[in-house]
Amino acid sequence: LNPHSFYVSRMDKSFFNEISKSNNVFIDGIGIYVFVVLKNIFSSKNIKRITGFDFFQFFLNNSYNKKIFFLGSSKKNLNKIKQNILLENPTCKVFTYSPSFKEEFTNKDLIKFAKKINRADPDILFLGLGAPKQEKIAIRISEKTKVKNIAPIGAVFDYYANNPTFILFLMRFFWLEWIYRLFVKPRVWKRIVEYFIVFLFMIFF
């Protein structure tokens, strides 16, 4: 969850229900992390922030001879992701599919996705279709495929396709990767700023 997906989960009941079915919901956005830490400041809970990039990199670094499927993004990005993975971990087998952009995928679309995924029989399926669409699709895809691990990681597709730089890792260290994203994808600035302000009002009240 990040401030944007937190807001959407409060406005979109179906999205809230889908993430509630998930086995693991990680704290991704820094706004969520700070809020949860402050809320539990007097408790003994060990609260950790695990971003989509952290999860993806951990899986990649600890995978031997695994099959990975990427659903989403552009063909250009997917080709770059495949090249980068095979350089970093050549034992992995990478499968990709770039669907046409749609606000909402039909059941016919999902059946098509499921056939491609089942044919590849991956160990993990990464989704990069944007929230809340990717989280909703994760649940629907899980009902039509044999894949046991599905992770919606969105912007990680863009980060990894563009060869993670030292600047990205430095900004991540200082919890400023959202600024990096503004430079990589300027069109998201409005969403980031708008939803963070709304998020602050929501947690205040």
Protein backbone atom coordinates (compact mmCIF):
# COMPACT_ATOMS: atom_id res chain seq x y z
CA LEU A 1 0.00 0.00 0.00
CA ASN A 2 0.98 3.60 -0.67
CA PRO A 3 -1.08 6.78 -0.02
CA HIS A 4 -2.75 6.50 -3.43
CA SER A 5 -3.85 2.89 -3.03
CA PHE A 6 -4.87 3.56 0.61
CA TYR A 7 -7.17 6.35 -0.57
CA VAL A 8 -8.61 4.25 -3.40
CA SER A 9 -9.27 1.36 -0.97
CA ARG A 10 -11.48 3.67 1.06
CA MET A 11 -13.39 4.90 -1.99
CA ASP A 12 -13.59 1.61 -3.92
CA LYS A 13 -15.19 -1.19 -1.90
CA SER A 14 -14.30 -3.89 -4.44
CA PHE A 15 -10.63 -2.86 -4.28
CA PHE A 16 -10.72 -2.96 -0.47
CA ASN A 17 -12.23 -6.46 -0.61
CA GLU A 18 -9.57 -7.67 -3.06
CA ILE A 19 -6.59 -6.50 -0.99
CA SER A 20 -8.25 -7.93 2.11
CA LYS A 21 -8.07 -11.37 0.46
CA SER A 22 -4.32 -11.06 -0.07
CA ASN A 23 -1.94 -13.25 1.94
CA ASN A 24 0.45 -10.33 2.42
CA VAL A 25 -0.07 -6.58 2.18
CA PHE A 26 3.25 -4.75 2.39
CA ILE A 27 3.87 -1.16 3.45
CA ASP A 28 5.28 0.48 0.33
CA GLY A 29 4.69 4.25 0.46
CA ILE A 30 6.69 6.30 2.93
CA GLY A 31 3.51 8.11 3.99
CA ILE A 32 1.92 4.80 5.06
CA TYR A 33 5.09 3.74 6.87
CA VAL A 34 5.39 6.96 8.91
CA PHE A 35 1.68 6.84 9.79
CA VAL A 36 1.82 3.21 10.99
CA VAL A 37 5.03 3.81 12.99
CA LEU A 38 3.51 6.86 14.73
CA LYS A 39 0.27 5.01 15.39
CA ASN A 40 2.21 2.19 17.07
CA ILE A 41 4.88 4.33 18.73
CA PHE A 42 4.12 2.96 22.20
CA SER A 43 3.74 -0.66 21.13
CA SER A 44 6.41 -3.31 20.70
CA LYS A 45 5.47 -4.07 17.11
CA ASN A 46 8.36 -4.44 14.68
CA ILE A 47 7.14 -2.48 11.65
CA LYS A 48 9.03 -2.86 8.40
CA ARG A 49 8.67 -1.13 5.06
CA ILE A 50 8.94 -3.55 2.13
CA THR A 51 8.54 -1.79 -1.18
CA GLY A 52 7.63 -3.51 -4.44
CA PHE A 53 11.22 -2.97 -5.56
CA ASP A 54 12.59 -4.57 -2.35
CA PHE A 55 10.37 -7.60 -2.81
CA PHE A 56 11.25 -7.94 -6.50
CA GLN A 57 15.00 -7.59 -5.91
CA PHE A 58 14.94 -10.09 -3.03
CA PHE A 59 13.14 -12.64 -5.17
CA LEU A 60 15.56 -12.13 -8.05
CA ASN A 61 18.64 -12.39 -5.83
CA ASN A 62 17.40 -15.58 -4.20
CA SER A 63 16.06 -17.42 -7.23
CA TYR A 64 17.81 -20.24 -9.02
CA ASN A 65 16.32 -21.71 -12.17
CA LYS A 66 12.96 -20.03 -11.53
CA LYS A 67 10.33 -19.14 -14.10
CA ILE A 68 9.09 -15.55 -13.95
CA PHE A 69 6.15 -14.07 -15.83
CA PHE A 70 5.67 -10.31 -16.33
CA LEU A 71 2.21 -9.08 -17.29
CA GLY A 72 1.81 -5.40 -18.14
CA SER A 73 3.82 -2.40 -19.35
CA SER A 74 5.06 -1.93 -22.93
CA LYS A 75 6.87 -4.45 -25.12
CA LYS A 76 9.93 -2.19 -25.05
CA ASN A 77 10.03 -2.18 -21.24
CA LEU A 78 9.41 -5.93 -21.04
CA ASN A 79 12.30 -6.63 -23.43
CA LYS A 80 14.59 -4.48 -21.28
CA ILE A 81 13.43 -6.25 -18.12
CA LYS A 82 14.13 -9.63 -19.70
CA GLN A 83 17.61 -8.55 -20.81
CA ASN A 84 18.46 -7.13 -17.38
CA ILE A 85 17.30 -10.25 -15.54
CA LEU A 86 19.24 -12.60 -17.80
CA LEU A 87 22.36 -10.53 -17.12
CA GLU A 88 21.76 -10.48 -13.38
CA ASN A 89 20.52 -14.06 -12.98
CA PRO A 90 20.92 -16.12 -16.19
CA THR A 91 19.41 -19.23 -14.55
CA CYS A 92 15.93 -17.63 -14.63
CA LYS A 93 13.46 -18.18 -17.44
CA VAL A 94 11.51 -15.04 -18.26
CA PHE A 95 8.10 -14.84 -19.93
CA THR A 96 6.32 -11.59 -20.79
CA TYR A 97 3.06 -10.29 -22.17
CA SER A 98 2.07 -6.70 -22.91
CA PRO A 99 -1.74 -6.38 -23.16
CA SER A 100 -3.41 -3.49 -24.94
CA PHE A 101 -4.25 -0.65 -22.55
CA LYS A 102 -7.78 -0.80 -21.15
CA GLU A 103 -9.44 0.86 -18.19
CA GLU A 104 -10.92 -2.50 -17.32
CA PHE A 105 -10.16 -6.00 -18.61
CA THR A 106 -13.03 -8.30 -19.51
CA ASN A 107 -13.38 -11.93 -18.53
CA LYS A 108 -12.39 -12.81 -22.11
CA ASP A 109 -9.14 -10.86 -21.63
CA LEU A 110 -8.42 -12.67 -18.38
CA ILE A 111 -8.97 -16.07 -19.99
CA LYS A 112 -6.43 -15.06 -22.66
CA PHE A 113 -3.94 -13.99 -19.98
CA ALA A 114 -4.55 -17.20 -18.02
CA LYS A 115 -3.81 -19.41 -21.05
CA LYS A 116 -0.46 -17.70 -21.61
CA ILE A 117 0.42 -17.89 -17.91
CA ASN A 118 -0.56 -21.55 -17.54
CA ARG A 119 1.45 -22.41 -20.66
CA ALA A 120 4.55 -20.86 -19.07
CA ASP A 121 3.76 -22.36 -15.63
CA PRO A 122 5.75 -19.67 -13.76
CA ASP A 123 6.91 -19.74 -10.14
CA ILE A 124 5.82 -16.13 -9.78
CA LEU A 125 3.68 -13.68 -11.73
CA PHE A 126 4.51 -9.97 -11.52
CA LEU A 127 1.80 -7.50 -12.51
CA GLY A 128 2.50 -3.97 -13.70
CA LEU A 129 -0.91 -2.65 -14.67
CA GLY A 130 -1.36 0.21 -12.19
CA ALA A 131 -3.37 0.33 -8.97
CA PRO A 132 -6.11 -0.57 -8.28
CA LYS A 133 -6.46 -2.48 -11.57
CA GLN A 134 -3.51 -4.81 -10.95
CA GLU A 135 -4.63 -5.79 -7.44
CA LYS A 136 -8.13 -6.62 -8.66
CA ILE A 137 -6.73 -8.63 -11.57
CA ALA A 138 -4.36 -10.51 -9.22
CA ILE A 139 -7.33 -12.09 -7.44
CA ARG A 140 -9.22 -12.85 -10.66
CA ILE A 141 -6.11 -14.32 -12.31
CA SER A 142 -5.43 -16.52 -9.27
CA GLU A 143 -8.80 -18.19 -9.83
CA LYS A 144 -7.96 -19.06 -13.45
CA THR A 145 -4.29 -20.09 -13.22
CA LYS A 146 -2.05 -22.54 -11.42
CA VAL A 147 0.48 -19.90 -10.39
CA LYS A 148 0.84 -19.76 -6.60
CA ASN A 149 2.63 -16.44 -6.23
CA ILE A 150 1.25 -13.23 -7.72
CA ALA A 151 2.74 -9.83 -6.91
CA PRO A 152 1.41 -6.50 -8.21
CA ILE A 153 4.52 -4.26 -8.27
CA GLY A 154 3.49 -1.51 -10.71
CA ALA A 155 6.22 1.13 -11.06
CA VAL A 156 8.97 -1.45 -10.50
CA PHE A 157 8.57 -2.42 -14.15
CA ASP A 158 9.70 1.09 -15.13
CA TYR A 159 12.50 1.25 -12.54
CA TYR A 160 14.04 -2.07 -13.51
CA ALA A 161 13.60 -1.62 -17.27
CA ASN A 162 15.64 1.58 -17.12
CA ASN A 163 18.58 -0.09 -15.34
CA PRO A 164 18.41 0.95 -11.68
CA THR A 165 21.03 3.66 -11.20
CA PHE A 166 23.08 4.74 -8.21
CA ILE A 167 20.82 7.81 -7.96
CA LEU A 168 17.76 5.58 -7.52
CA PHE A 169 19.44 3.52 -4.78
CA LEU A 170 20.61 6.72 -3.07
CA MET A 171 17.12 8.21 -3.14
CA ARG A 172 15.64 4.94 -1.87
CA PHE A 173 18.09 5.06 1.05
CA PHE A 174 16.69 8.47 2.01
CA TRP A 175 13.08 7.38 1.26
CA LEU A 176 12.83 9.76 -1.69
CA GLU A 177 12.21 7.34 -4.55
CA TRP A 178 8.91 9.11 -5.24
CA ILE A 179 10.98 12.14 -6.36
CA TYR A 180 12.95 9.86 -8.69
CA ARG A 181 9.68 8.63 -10.14
CA LEU A 182 8.61 12.20 -10.85
CA PHE A 183 11.69 12.63 -13.03
CA VAL A 184 11.31 9.27 -14.76
CA LYS A 185 7.55 9.67 -15.29
CA PRO A 186 6.60 13.36 -14.96
CA ARG A 187 2.93 12.74 -15.71
CA VAL A 188 2.41 11.07 -12.29
CA TRP A 189 3.35 14.20 -10.31
CA LYS A 190 -0.25 15.36 -10.05
CA ARG A 191 -1.41 11.99 -8.70
CA ILE A 192 1.44 11.75 -6.18
CA VAL A 193 0.97 15.27 -4.80
CA GLU A 194 -2.83 15.19 -4.88
CA TYR A 195 -3.25 11.84 -3.16
CA PHE A 196 -0.58 12.53 -0.56
CA ILE A 197 -2.41 15.71 0.51
CA VAL A 198 -5.73 13.82 0.61
CA PHE A 199 -4.01 11.02 2.58
CA LEU A 200 -2.78 13.51 5.22
CA PHE A 201 -6.32 14.81 5.70
CA MET A 202 -7.69 11.26 5.92
CA ILE A 203 -5.30 10.12 8.64
CA PHE A 204 -5.71 13.39 10.55
CA PHE A 205 -9.48 12.98 10.77
